[in-house]
Amino acid sequence: MKILVTGSAGFIGFHTAKALLADGHEVVGLDNFNDYYDVGLKEARHAQLEAMPGYAGVRGDLYDYELLHQLIQSHRIDRICHLAAQAGVRYSIQNPFAYQESNLKGFLNILEICRNHDISRLVYASSSSVYGGNTKVPFCETDVVDHPVSLYAATKKANELMAHAYSHLYGFQAVGLRFFTVYGPWGRPDMAYWLFTDAILRKRPIKVFNHGDMQRDFTYIDDIVLGIKAALFAEGLDPYEIFNLGNNQPEQLMDMIQYLSDALGVEPELEMLPMQDGDVHITYADIDKAKAKLGYQPSVSLREGLEHFVRWYKDYRA
């Protein structure tokens, strides 16, 4: 198939585009290379994709509807994998309008493209953050998600509602994927595992929020990509679907720090701090639905995944 992957120079978009190309699909990648984090990292990902047969990279913004229209027409796109967004829970508190442009206006443009160009299936990134401060665990797709605790989470919940309306009105499939703390090689420098690795190697203290009393359902990037591919191609899906993609195993933050310390061979210095605004105590994915309908089965443990990341990180920094 010919697939448009938005956010192709981003962490999850890069890995997804690479996997689709390896499977023999043609991929058009769209990214605006914004400076939310190191643009050089995005350029390095992009260069890897550019070297692969079947890839066409385009620089542009989601809110440029005419560009999207031209891309769909000229490349005759079959399906859209929409992974571009303004990321970051904490960043959304300081820079709210960036989320309006990308996560709301940009997503509406994607929906309009699907409507006007007869795109049969849209797969898009939601987030575990939509569960907000839910205390019932594990988080299930049928849980009420009406109480987001950050603007980022609110925009992701809005995306799910918008997709439902468009799928109902115009008949294309819309599959939303709630990602749970994705990590791995070529990851994002604003994520805790990257920040901790950098601090440990530079012999700087690690900032540990809520005094380390947090749990995250860390999910390795290769497992996430398998779930995304299943969402793009699985048969028998309903017109509107929501799936959790997580590891189904919350890990203590302090254990994650210990695994990193073991992989790096360096004992970290810890700076214990209170909980930050927008953070939650635990994330924990119920993946029964994804197992049943997508055949999704994560297999990479946190210790193993962090060892992969550390090896990549050392090579990349070298």
C-alpha atoms as a PDB file:
ATOM      1  CA  MET A   1       0.000   0.000   0.000  1.00  0.00           C
ATOM      2  CA  LYS A   2       0.877   3.684  -0.193  1.00  0.00           C
ATOM      3  CA  ILE A   3       0.748   5.076   3.313  1.00  0.00           C
ATOM      4  CA  LEU A   4       1.095   8.634   4.585  1.00  0.00           C
ATOM      5  CA  VAL A   5       2.971   8.691   7.908  1.00  0.00           C
ATOM      6  CA  THR A   6       2.820  12.053   9.639  1.00  0.00           C
ATOM      7  CA  GLY A   7       5.538  12.843  12.152  1.00  0.00           C
ATOM      8  CA  SER A   8       7.957  10.660  10.180  1.00  0.00           C
ATOM      9  CA  ALA A   9      11.027  12.383  11.644  1.00  0.00           C
ATOM     10  CA  GLY A  10       9.663  11.846  15.149  1.00  0.00           C
ATOM     11  CA  PHE A  11      10.449   8.902  17.383  1.00  0.00           C
ATOM     12  CA  ILE A  12       7.432   6.635  16.765  1.00  0.00           C
ATOM     13  CA  GLY A  13       6.855   7.901  13.221  1.00  0.00           C
ATOM     14  CA  PHE A  14      10.435   7.116  12.203  1.00  0.00           C
ATOM     15  CA  HIS A  15      10.295   3.556  13.499  1.00  0.00           C
ATOM     16  CA  THR A  16       6.860   2.989  11.953  1.00  0.00           C
ATOM     17  CA  ALA A  17       7.884   4.314   8.535  1.00  0.00           C
ATOM     18  CA  LYS A  18      11.051   2.201   8.625  1.00  0.00           C
ATOM     19  CA  ALA A  19       9.079  -0.960   9.433  1.00  0.00           C
ATOM     20  CA  LEU A  20       6.483  -0.291   6.716  1.00  0.00           C
ATOM     21  CA  LEU A  21       9.215   0.247   4.132  1.00  0.00           C
ATOM     22  CA  ALA A  22      10.936  -2.957   5.203  1.00  0.00           C
ATOM     23  CA  ASP A  23       7.618  -4.768   4.622  1.00  0.00           C
ATOM     24  CA  GLY A  24       7.490  -3.468   1.036  1.00  0.00           C
ATOM     25  CA  HIS A  25       4.988  -0.637   1.366  1.00  0.00           C
ATOM     26  CA  GLU A  26       5.519   2.817  -0.099  1.00  0.00           C
ATOM     27  CA  VAL A  27       5.647   5.574   2.498  1.00  0.00           C
ATOM     28  CA  VAL A  28       5.187   9.311   2.204  1.00  0.00           C
ATOM     29  CA  GLY A  29       6.545  10.948   5.348  1.00  0.00           C
ATOM     30  CA  LEU A  30       5.445  14.400   6.507  1.00  0.00           C
ATOM     31  CA  ASP A  31       7.216  16.343   9.257  1.00  0.00           C
ATOM     32  CA  ASN A  32       7.776  19.997  10.085  1.00  0.00           C
ATOM     33  CA  PHE A  33      11.085  19.397  11.954  1.00  0.00           C
ATOM     34  CA  ASN A  34      10.104  21.780  14.737  1.00  0.00           C
ATOM     35  CA  ASP A  35      12.576  22.610  17.492  1.00  0.00           C
ATOM     36  CA  TYR A  36      10.667  21.173  20.472  1.00  0.00           C
ATOM     37  CA  TYR A  37      13.771  19.024  20.832  1.00  0.00           C
ATOM     38  CA  ASP A  38      17.075  18.569  18.955  1.00  0.00           C
ATOM     39  CA  VAL A  39      16.396  19.040  15.228  1.00  0.00           C
ATOM     40  CA  GLY A  40      19.658  17.244  14.468  1.00  0.00           C
ATOM     41  CA  LEU A  41      18.177  14.031  15.862  1.00  0.00           C
ATOM     42  CA  LYS A  42      15.152  14.428  13.583  1.00  0.00           C
ATOM     43  CA  GLU A  43      17.418  15.061  10.603  1.00  0.00           C
ATOM     44  CA  ALA A  44      19.395  11.902  11.411  1.00  0.00           C
ATOM     45  CA  ARG A  45      16.217   9.824  11.512  1.00  0.00           C
ATOM     46  CA  HIS A  46      15.031  11.413   8.268  1.00  0.00           C
ATOM     47  CA  ALA A  47      18.342  10.632   6.551  1.00  0.00           C
ATOM     48  CA  GLN A  48      17.943   6.943   7.385  1.00  0.00           C
ATOM     49  CA  LEU A  49      14.476   6.886   5.824  1.00  0.00           C
ATOM     50  CA  GLU A  50      15.635   8.790   2.748  1.00  0.00           C
ATOM     51  CA  ALA A  51      18.153   6.028   2.077  1.00  0.00           C
ATOM     52  CA  MET A  52      15.418   3.378   1.891  1.00  0.00           C
ATOM     53  CA  PRO A  53      13.599   2.470  -1.362  1.00  0.00           C
ATOM     54  CA  GLY A  54       9.968   3.537  -1.511  1.00  0.00           C
ATOM     55  CA  TYR A  55      10.273   6.556   0.764  1.00  0.00           C
ATOM     56  CA  ALA A  56       9.307  10.136  -0.086  1.00  0.00           C
ATOM     57  CA  GLY A  57       9.941  12.705   2.641  1.00  0.00           C
ATOM     58  CA  VAL A  58       8.072  16.016   2.709  1.00  0.00           C
ATOM     59  CA  ARG A  59       8.725  19.009   4.975  1.00  0.00           C
ATOM     60  CA  GLY A  60       5.553  20.795   5.956  1.00  0.00           C
ATOM     61  CA  ASP A  61       2.907  21.470   8.585  1.00  0.00           C
ATOM     62  CA  LEU A  62      -0.291  19.637   9.429  1.00  0.00           C
ATOM     63  CA  TYR A  63      -2.220  22.878   9.397  1.00  0.00           C
ATOM     64  CA  ASP A  64      -1.331  23.434   5.728  1.00  0.00           C
ATOM     65  CA  TYR A  65      -4.441  21.820   4.251  1.00  0.00           C
ATOM     66  CA  GLU A  66      -3.480  22.543   0.646  1.00  0.00           C
ATOM     67  CA  LEU A  67      -0.188  20.695   1.112  1.00  0.00           C
ATOM     68  CA  LEU A  68      -2.007  17.674   2.543  1.00  0.00           C
ATOM     69  CA  HIS A  69      -4.462  17.760  -0.358  1.00  0.00           C
ATOM     70  CA  GLN A  70      -1.625  17.795  -2.898  1.00  0.00           C
ATOM     71  CA  LEU A  71       0.199  14.954  -1.159  1.00  0.00           C
ATOM     72  CA  ILE A  72      -2.851  12.695  -1.176  1.00  0.00           C
ATOM     73  CA  GLN A  73      -3.605  13.433  -4.811  1.00  0.00           C
ATOM     74  CA  SER A  74      -0.091  13.156  -6.201  1.00  0.00           C
ATOM     75  CA  HIS A  75       0.855  10.005  -4.288  1.00  0.00           C
ATOM     76  CA  ARG A  76      -2.564   8.310  -4.353  1.00  0.00           C
ATOM     77  CA  ILE A  77      -2.437   7.466  -0.665  1.00  0.00           C
ATOM     78  CA  ASP A  78      -4.380   4.392   0.498  1.00  0.00           C
ATOM     79  CA  ARG A  79      -4.212   4.812   4.284  1.00  0.00           C
ATOM     80  CA  ILE A  80      -3.009   7.408   6.768  1.00  0.00           C
ATOM     81  CA  CYS A  81      -0.957   6.734   9.885  1.00  0.00           C
ATOM     82  CA  HIS A  82      -1.167   9.990  11.825  1.00  0.00           C
ATOM     83  CA  LEU A  83       1.587  10.119  14.449  1.00  0.00           C
ATOM     84  CA  ALA A  84       2.484  13.817  14.311  1.00  0.00           C
ATOM     85  CA  ALA A  85       1.527  15.973  17.292  1.00  0.00           C
ATOM     86  CA  GLN A  86       2.934  18.490  19.685  1.00  0.00           C
ATOM     87  CA  ALA A  87       4.114  16.159  22.429  1.00  0.00           C
ATOM     88  CA  GLY A  88       4.845  16.702  26.091  1.00  0.00           C
ATOM     89  CA  VAL A  89       2.614  16.981  29.151  1.00  0.00           C
ATOM     90  CA  ARG A  90       4.762  19.558  30.946  1.00  0.00           C
ATOM     91  CA  TYR A  91       5.452  21.606  27.811  1.00  0.00           C
ATOM     92  CA  SER A  92       1.696  22.018  27.273  1.00  0.00           C
ATOM     93  CA  ILE A  93       1.443  23.997  30.495  1.00  0.00           C
ATOM     94  CA  GLN A  94       3.928  26.630  29.271  1.00  0.00           C
ATOM     95  CA  ASN A  95       3.080  26.620  25.548  1.00  0.00           C
ATOM     96  CA  PRO A  96      -0.644  25.905  25.110  1.00  0.00           C
ATOM     97  CA  PHE A  97      -1.087  27.455  21.661  1.00  0.00           C
ATOM     98  CA  ALA A  98       1.379  25.002  20.085  1.00  0.00           C
ATOM     99  CA  TYR A  99      -1.116  22.267  20.974  1.00  0.00           C
ATOM    100  CA  GLN A 100      -4.033  24.168  19.463  1.00  0.00           C
ATOM    101  CA  GLU A 101      -2.254  24.414  16.094  1.00  0.00           C
ATOM    102  CA  SER A 102      -0.891  20.885  15.818  1.00  0.00           C
ATOM    103  CA  ASN A 103      -3.136  18.650  17.900  1.00  0.00           C
ATOM    104  CA  LEU A 104      -6.493  20.286  17.156  1.00  0.00           C
ATOM    105  CA  LYS A 105      -6.331  22.223  13.884  1.00  0.00           C
ATOM    106  CA  GLY A 106      -3.841  19.760  12.391  1.00  0.00           C
ATOM    107  CA  PHE A 107      -5.972  16.779  13.345  1.00  0.00           C
ATOM    108  CA  LEU A 108      -9.090  18.388  11.891  1.00  0.00           C
ATOM    109  CA  ASN A 109      -7.207  18.793   8.595  1.00  0.00           C
ATOM    110  CA  ILE A 110      -6.339  15.077   8.648  1.00  0.00           C
ATOM    111  CA  LEU A 111     -10.001  14.190   9.199  1.00  0.00           C
ATOM    112  CA  GLU A 112     -11.090  16.467   6.377  1.00  0.00           C
ATOM    113  CA  ILE A 113      -8.507  14.851   4.096  1.00  0.00           C
ATOM    114  CA  CYS A 114      -9.907  11.399   4.936  1.00  0.00           C
ATOM    115  CA  ARG A 115     -13.424  12.630   4.239  1.00  0.00           C
ATOM    116  CA  ASN A 116     -12.660  14.357   0.946  1.00  0.00           C
ATOM    117  CA  HIS A 117     -10.256  11.781  -0.507  1.00  0.00           C
ATOM    118  CA  ASP A 118     -12.009   8.516   0.383  1.00  0.00           C
ATOM    119  CA  ILE A 119      -9.235   7.296   2.690  1.00  0.00           C
ATOM    120  CA  SER A 120     -10.480   3.917   3.898  1.00  0.00           C
ATOM    121  CA  ARG A 121      -8.657   3.810   7.242  1.00  0.00           C
ATOM    122  CA  LEU A 122      -7.046   6.362   9.524  1.00  0.00           C
ATOM    123  CA  VAL A 123      -4.815   5.159  12.355  1.00  0.00           C
ATOM    124  CA  TYR A 124      -3.883   7.927  14.776  1.00  0.00           C
ATOM    125  CA  ALA A 125      -1.923   8.390  17.990  1.00  0.00           C
ATOM    126  CA  SER A 126      -3.829   8.999  21.171  1.00  0.00           C
ATOM    127  CA  SER A 127      -2.197   8.707  24.586  1.00  0.00           C
ATOM    128  CA  SER A 128      -2.456   7.025  27.974  1.00  0.00           C
ATOM    129  CA  SER A 129      -2.639  10.564  29.364  1.00  0.00           C
ATOM    130  CA  VAL A 130      -6.366  10.631  28.509  1.00  0.00           C
ATOM    131  CA  TYR A 131      -6.941   8.477  31.616  1.00  0.00           C
ATOM    132  CA  GLY A 132      -5.931  11.453  33.743  1.00  0.00           C
ATOM    133  CA  GLY A 133      -5.977  10.749  37.451  1.00  0.00           C
ATOM    134  CA  ASN A 134      -7.952   7.504  37.157  1.00  0.00           C
ATOM    135  CA  THR A 135      -7.312   5.321  40.200  1.00  0.00           C
ATOM    136  CA  LYS A 136      -8.865   2.107  38.826  1.00  0.00           C
ATOM    137  CA  VAL A 137      -6.121  -0.030  37.282  1.00  0.00           C
ATOM    138  CA  PRO A 138      -5.396  -1.393  34.811  1.00  0.00           C
ATOM    139  CA  PHE A 139      -6.762   1.321  32.505  1.00  0.00           C
ATOM    140  CA  CYS A 140      -9.350  -0.083  30.101  1.00  0.00           C
ATOM    141  CA  GLU A 141     -10.645   1.433  26.848  1.00  0.00           C
ATOM    142  CA  THR A 142     -14.171   1.483  28.326  1.00  0.00           C
ATOM    143  CA  ASP A 143     -13.137   3.597  31.345  1.00  0.00           C
ATOM    144  CA  VAL A 144     -14.523   7.121  31.626  1.00  0.00           C
ATOM    145  CA  VAL A 145     -11.851   9.588  30.459  1.00  0.00           C
ATOM    146  CA  ASP A 146     -13.531  12.917  31.147  1.00  0.00           C
ATOM    147  CA  HIS A 147     -10.991  14.304  33.622  1.00  0.00           C
ATOM    148  CA  PRO A 148      -7.678  15.109  31.890  1.00  0.00           C
ATOM    149  CA  VAL A 149      -5.023  16.733  34.075  1.00  0.00           C
ATOM    150  CA  SER A 150      -3.071  18.469  31.287  1.00  0.00           C
ATOM    151  CA  LEU A 151      -3.884  20.336  28.091  1.00  0.00           C
ATOM    152  CA  TYR A 152      -1.951  17.706  26.120  1.00  0.00           C
ATOM    153  CA  ALA A 153      -4.258  15.001  27.481  1.00  0.00           C
ATOM    154  CA  ALA A 154      -7.314  17.139  26.695  1.00  0.00           C
ATOM    155  CA  THR A 155      -6.238  17.519  23.052  1.00  0.00           C
ATOM    156  CA  LYS A 156      -5.795  13.749  22.733  1.00  0.00           C
ATOM    157  CA  LYS A 157      -9.263  13.142  24.171  1.00  0.00           C
ATOM    158  CA  ALA A 158     -10.586  15.764  21.744  1.00  0.00           C
ATOM    159  CA  ASN A 159      -8.942  13.864  18.868  1.00  0.00           C
ATOM    160  CA  GLU A 160     -10.812  10.704  19.843  1.00  0.00           C
ATOM    161  CA  LEU A 161     -14.132  12.564  19.920  1.00  0.00           C
ATOM    162  CA  MET A 162     -13.469  14.280  16.592  1.00  0.00           C
ATOM    163  CA  ALA A 163     -12.512  10.957  14.991  1.00  0.00           C
ATOM    164  CA  HIS A 164     -15.702   9.353  16.288  1.00  0.00           C
ATOM    165  CA  ALA A 165     -17.841  12.109  14.773  1.00  0.00           C
ATOM    166  CA  TYR A 166     -16.121  11.941  11.382  1.00  0.00           C
ATOM    167  CA  SER A 167     -16.171   8.149  11.263  1.00  0.00           C
ATOM    168  CA  HIS A 168     -19.898   8.186  12.048  1.00  0.00           C
ATOM    169  CA  LEU A 169     -20.699  10.916   9.536  1.00  0.00           C
ATOM    170  CA  TYR A 170     -18.483   9.914   6.618  1.00  0.00           C
ATOM    171  CA  GLY A 171     -17.941   6.172   6.914  1.00  0.00           C
ATOM    172  CA  PHE A 172     -14.162   5.772   7.029  1.00  0.00           C
ATOM    173  CA  GLN A 173     -12.447   3.684   9.708  1.00  0.00           C
ATOM    174  CA  ALA A 174     -10.763   5.616  12.516  1.00  0.00           C
ATOM    175  CA  VAL A 175      -8.488   3.641  14.837  1.00  0.00           C
ATOM    176  CA  GLY A 176      -7.056   5.453  17.861  1.00  0.00           C
ATOM    177  CA  LEU A 177      -4.055   4.057  19.729  1.00  0.00           C
ATOM    178  CA  ARG A 178      -3.425   5.031  23.333  1.00  0.00           C
ATOM    179  CA  PHE A 179       0.340   4.718  23.708  1.00  0.00           C
ATOM    180  CA  PHE A 180       1.845   4.012  27.133  1.00  0.00           C
ATOM    181  CA  THR A 181       5.304   5.564  27.834  1.00  0.00           C
ATOM    182  CA  VAL A 182       7.118   4.515  24.674  1.00  0.00           C
ATOM    183  CA  TYR A 183      10.922   4.258  24.885  1.00  0.00           C
ATOM    184  CA  GLY A 184      13.861   2.872  22.945  1.00  0.00           C
ATOM    185  CA  PRO A 185      16.645   3.750  20.465  1.00  0.00           C
ATOM    186  CA  TRP A 186      16.178   6.999  18.520  1.00  0.00           C
ATOM    187  CA  GLY A 187      13.846   8.151  21.302  1.00  0.00           C
ATOM    188  CA  ARG A 188      12.900  11.595  22.548  1.00  0.00           C
ATOM    189  CA  PRO A 189      15.437  13.630  24.563  1.00  0.00           C
ATOM    190  CA  ASP A 190      12.666  15.071  26.772  1.00  0.00           C
ATOM    191  CA  MET A 191      11.682  11.639  28.125  1.00  0.00           C
ATOM    192  CA  ALA A 192      12.839  10.518  31.566  1.00  0.00           C
ATOM    193  CA  TYR A 193      14.950   7.550  30.453  1.00  0.00           C
ATOM    194  CA  TRP A 194      16.954   9.785  28.061  1.00  0.00           C
ATOM    195  CA  LEU A 195      17.330  12.613  30.596  1.00  0.00           C
ATOM    196  CA  PHE A 196      18.432  10.141  33.277  1.00  0.00           C
ATOM    197  CA  THR A 197      20.967   8.481  30.961  1.00  0.00           C
ATOM    198  CA  ASP A 198      22.458  11.833  29.991  1.00  0.00           C
ATOM    199  CA  ALA A 199      22.633  12.997  33.614  1.00  0.00           C
ATOM    200  CA  ILE A 200      24.237   9.756  34.841  1.00  0.00           C
ATOM    201  CA  LEU A 201      26.943   9.850  32.167  1.00  0.00           C
ATOM    202  CA  ARG A 202      27.652  13.522  32.884  1.00  0.00           C
ATOM    203  CA  LYS A 203      27.737  12.797  36.636  1.00  0.00           C
ATOM    204  CA  ARG A 204      24.878  15.197  37.308  1.00  0.00           C
ATOM    205  CA  PRO A 205      22.012  14.572  39.735  1.00  0.00           C
ATOM    206  CA  ILE A 206      18.816  12.979  38.382  1.00  0.00           C
ATOM    207  CA  LYS A 207      15.586  14.843  39.099  1.00  0.00           C
ATOM    208  CA  VAL A 208      13.230  12.236  40.565  1.00  0.00           C
ATOM    209  CA  PHE A 209       9.682  13.555  40.887  1.00  0.00           C
ATOM    210  CA  ASN A 210       7.173  12.546  43.567  1.00  0.00           C
ATOM    211  CA  HIS A 211      10.210  11.290  45.470  1.00  0.00           C
ATOM    212  CA  GLY A 212      10.328   8.257  43.169  1.00  0.00           C
ATOM    213  CA  ASP A 213       6.840   7.036  44.067  1.00  0.00           C
ATOM    214  CA  MET A 214       5.568   6.607  40.493  1.00  0.00           C
ATOM    215  CA  GLN A 215       4.841   3.691  38.209  1.00  0.00           C
ATOM    216  CA  ARG A 216       4.827   3.691  34.411  1.00  0.00           C
ATOM    217  CA  ASP A 217       3.787   1.068  31.883  1.00  0.00           C
ATOM    218  CA  PHE A 218       7.004   1.435  29.866  1.00  0.00           C
ATOM    219  CA  THR A 219       6.545   0.024  26.333  1.00  0.00           C
ATOM    220  CA  TYR A 220       9.430  -0.736  23.991  1.00  0.00           C
ATOM    221  CA  ILE A 221       9.270   0.874  20.549  1.00  0.00           C
ATOM    222  CA  ASP A 222       9.374  -2.402  18.585  1.00  0.00           C
ATOM    223  CA  ASP A 223       6.292  -3.649  20.439  1.00  0.00           C
ATOM    224  CA  ILE A 224       4.486  -0.378  19.706  1.00  0.00           C
ATOM    225  CA  VAL A 225       5.308  -0.603  15.989  1.00  0.00           C
ATOM    226  CA  LEU A 226       3.868  -4.117  15.803  1.00  0.00           C
ATOM    227  CA  GLY A 227       0.646  -2.741  17.289  1.00  0.00           C
ATOM    228  CA  ILE A 228       0.545   0.157  14.828  1.00  0.00           C
ATOM    229  CA  LYS A 229       1.031  -2.155  11.838  1.00  0.00           C
ATOM    230  CA  ALA A 230      -1.743  -4.421  13.107  1.00  0.00           C
ATOM    231  CA  ALA A 231      -4.051  -1.407  13.441  1.00  0.00           C
ATOM    232  CA  LEU A 232      -3.277  -0.411   9.842  1.00  0.00           C
ATOM    233  CA  PHE A 233      -3.940  -3.818   8.289  1.00  0.00           C
ATOM    234  CA  ALA A 234      -6.010  -6.023  10.627  1.00  0.00           C
ATOM    235  CA  GLU A 235      -9.292  -7.336   9.264  1.00  0.00           C
ATOM    236  CA  GLY A 236     -12.585  -7.267  11.122  1.00  0.00           C
ATOM    237  CA  LEU A 237     -12.176  -3.925  12.899  1.00  0.00           C
ATOM    238  CA  ASP A 238     -15.201  -1.756  13.651  1.00  0.00           C
ATOM    239  CA  PRO A 239     -15.569   1.635  11.947  1.00  0.00           C
ATOM    240  CA  TYR A 240     -14.400   3.344  15.156  1.00  0.00           C
ATOM    241  CA  GLU A 241     -11.894   1.702  17.479  1.00  0.00           C
ATOM    242  CA  ILE A 242      -9.749   2.643  20.463  1.00  0.00           C
ATOM    243  CA  PHE A 243      -6.902   0.396  21.631  1.00  0.00           C
ATOM    244  CA  ASN A 244      -4.420   0.549  24.481  1.00  0.00           C
ATOM    245  CA  LEU A 245      -0.880  -0.232  23.377  1.00  0.00           C
ATOM    246  CA  GLY A 246       1.173  -0.810  26.507  1.00  0.00           C
ATOM    247  CA  ASN A 247       3.333  -3.445  28.134  1.00  0.00           C
ATOM    248  CA  ASN A 248       0.615  -4.468  30.629  1.00  0.00           C
ATOM    249  CA  GLN A 249       3.188  -4.267  33.420  1.00  0.00           C
ATOM    250  CA  PRO A 250       3.724  -1.050  35.380  1.00  0.00           C
ATOM    251  CA  GLU A 251       7.271  -0.603  36.653  1.00  0.00           C
ATOM    252  CA  GLN A 252       8.487   1.413  39.609  1.00  0.00           C
ATOM    253  CA  LEU A 253      10.397   4.551  38.584  1.00  0.00           C
ATOM    254  CA  MET A 254      13.179   3.620  40.999  1.00  0.00           C
ATOM    255  CA  ASP A 255      13.531   0.215  39.316  1.00  0.00           C
ATOM    256  CA  MET A 256      13.860   1.918  35.941  1.00  0.00           C
ATOM    257  CA  ILE A 257      16.672   4.080  37.350  1.00  0.00           C
ATOM    258  CA  GLN A 258      18.400   0.965  38.714  1.00  0.00           C
ATOM    259  CA  TYR A 259      18.185  -0.809  35.324  1.00  0.00           C
ATOM    260  CA  LEU A 260      19.749   2.233  33.660  1.00  0.00           C
ATOM    261  CA  SER A 261      22.461   2.384  36.303  1.00  0.00           C
ATOM    262  CA  ASP A 262      23.254  -1.311  35.742  1.00  0.00           C
ATOM    263  CA  ALA A 263      23.397  -0.880  31.948  1.00  0.00           C
ATOM    264  CA  LEU A 264      25.653   2.182  32.239  1.00  0.00           C
ATOM    265  CA  GLY A 265      27.829   0.823  35.047  1.00  0.00           C
ATOM    266  CA  VAL A 266      27.488   4.112  36.953  1.00  0.00           C
ATOM    267  CA  GLU A 267      25.750   4.791  40.261  1.00  0.00           C
ATOM    268  CA  PRO A 268      23.438   7.831  39.910  1.00  0.00           C
ATOM    269  CA  GLU A 269      23.038  10.789  42.245  1.00  0.00           C
ATOM    270  CA  LEU A 270      19.353  11.422  42.981  1.00  0.00           C
ATOM    271  CA  GLU A 271      17.584  14.736  43.593  1.00  0.00           C
ATOM    272  CA  MET A 272      14.189  13.932  45.120  1.00  0.00           C
ATOM    273  CA  LEU A 273      11.439  16.402  44.173  1.00  0.00           C
ATOM    274  CA  PRO A 274       7.641  16.713  44.606  1.00  0.00           C
ATOM    275  CA  MET A 275       5.135  15.710  41.925  1.00  0.00           C
ATOM    276  CA  GLN A 276       4.982  18.044  38.919  1.00  0.00           C
ATOM    277  CA  ASP A 277       1.770  19.596  37.590  1.00  0.00           C
ATOM    278  CA  GLY A 278       0.128  17.370  34.986  1.00  0.00           C
ATOM    279  CA  ASP A 279       1.844  14.168  36.161  1.00  0.00           C
ATOM    280  CA  VAL A 280      -0.014  11.082  37.394  1.00  0.00           C
ATOM    281  CA  HIS A 281       0.998   8.443  39.901  1.00  0.00           C
ATOM    282  CA  ILE A 282       0.546   5.352  37.742  1.00  0.00           C
ATOM    283  CA  THR A 283      -0.144   4.214  34.181  1.00  0.00           C
ATOM    284  CA  TYR A 284      -1.136   0.602  33.533  1.00  0.00           C
ATOM    285  CA  ALA A 285      -2.610  -0.677  30.265  1.00  0.00           C
ATOM    286  CA  ASP A 286      -5.284  -3.331  29.985  1.00  0.00           C
ATOM    287  CA  ILE A 287      -4.375  -4.809  26.567  1.00  0.00           C
ATOM    288  CA  ASP A 288      -6.994  -7.580  26.341  1.00  0.00           C
ATOM    289  CA  LYS A 289      -8.824  -5.826  23.495  1.00  0.00           C
ATOM    290  CA  ALA A 290      -5.614  -5.243  21.509  1.00  0.00           C
ATOM    291  CA  LYS A 291      -4.655  -8.895  22.017  1.00  0.00           C
ATOM    292  CA  ALA A 292      -8.042 -10.105  20.789  1.00  0.00           C
ATOM    293  CA  LYS A 293      -8.517  -7.834  17.761  1.00  0.00           C
ATOM    294  CA  LEU A 294      -4.942  -6.937  16.751  1.00  0.00           C
ATOM    295  CA  GLY A 295      -3.011  -9.975  17.914  1.00  0.00           C
ATOM    296  CA  TYR A 296      -0.918  -7.547  19.958  1.00  0.00           C
ATOM    297  CA  GLN A 297       1.549  -9.178  22.348  1.00  0.00           C
ATOM    298  CA  PRO A 298       4.433  -7.094  23.755  1.00  0.00           C
ATOM    299  CA  SER A 299       7.550  -9.123  24.469  1.00  0.00           C
ATOM    300  CA  VAL A 300      10.420  -6.786  25.475  1.00  0.00           C
ATOM    301  CA  SER A 301      11.062  -6.330  29.200  1.00  0.00           C
ATOM    302  CA  LEU A 302      12.052  -2.941  30.593  1.00  0.00           C
ATOM    303  CA  ARG A 303      15.544  -4.136  31.558  1.00  0.00           C
ATOM    304  CA  GLU A 304      16.148  -5.555  28.068  1.00  0.00           C
ATOM    305  CA  GLY A 305      14.728  -2.501  26.318  1.00  0.00           C
ATOM    306  CA  LEU A 306      16.861  -0.091  28.350  1.00  0.00           C
ATOM    307  CA  GLU A 307      19.968  -2.123  27.546  1.00  0.00           C
ATOM    308  CA  HIS A 308      19.122  -1.710  23.838  1.00  0.00           C
ATOM    309  CA  PHE A 309      18.660   2.025  24.360  1.00  0.00           C
ATOM    310  CA  VAL A 310      21.938   2.483  26.245  1.00  0.00           C
ATOM    311  CA  ARG A 311      23.922   0.701  23.521  1.00  0.00           C
ATOM    312  CA  TRP A 312      22.312   2.897  20.862  1.00  0.00           C
ATOM    313  CA  TYR A 313      22.763   6.066  22.931  1.00  0.00           C
ATOM    314  CA  LYS A 314      26.479   5.507  23.394  1.00  0.00           C
ATOM    315  CA  ASP A 315      26.965   4.886  19.664  1.00  0.00           C
ATOM    316  CA  TYR A 316      24.861   7.912  18.699  1.00  0.00           C
ATOM    317  CA  ARG A 317      26.660  10.264  21.078  1.00  0.00           C
ATOM    318  CA  ALA A 318      30.032   8.944  19.908  1.00  0.00           C
END
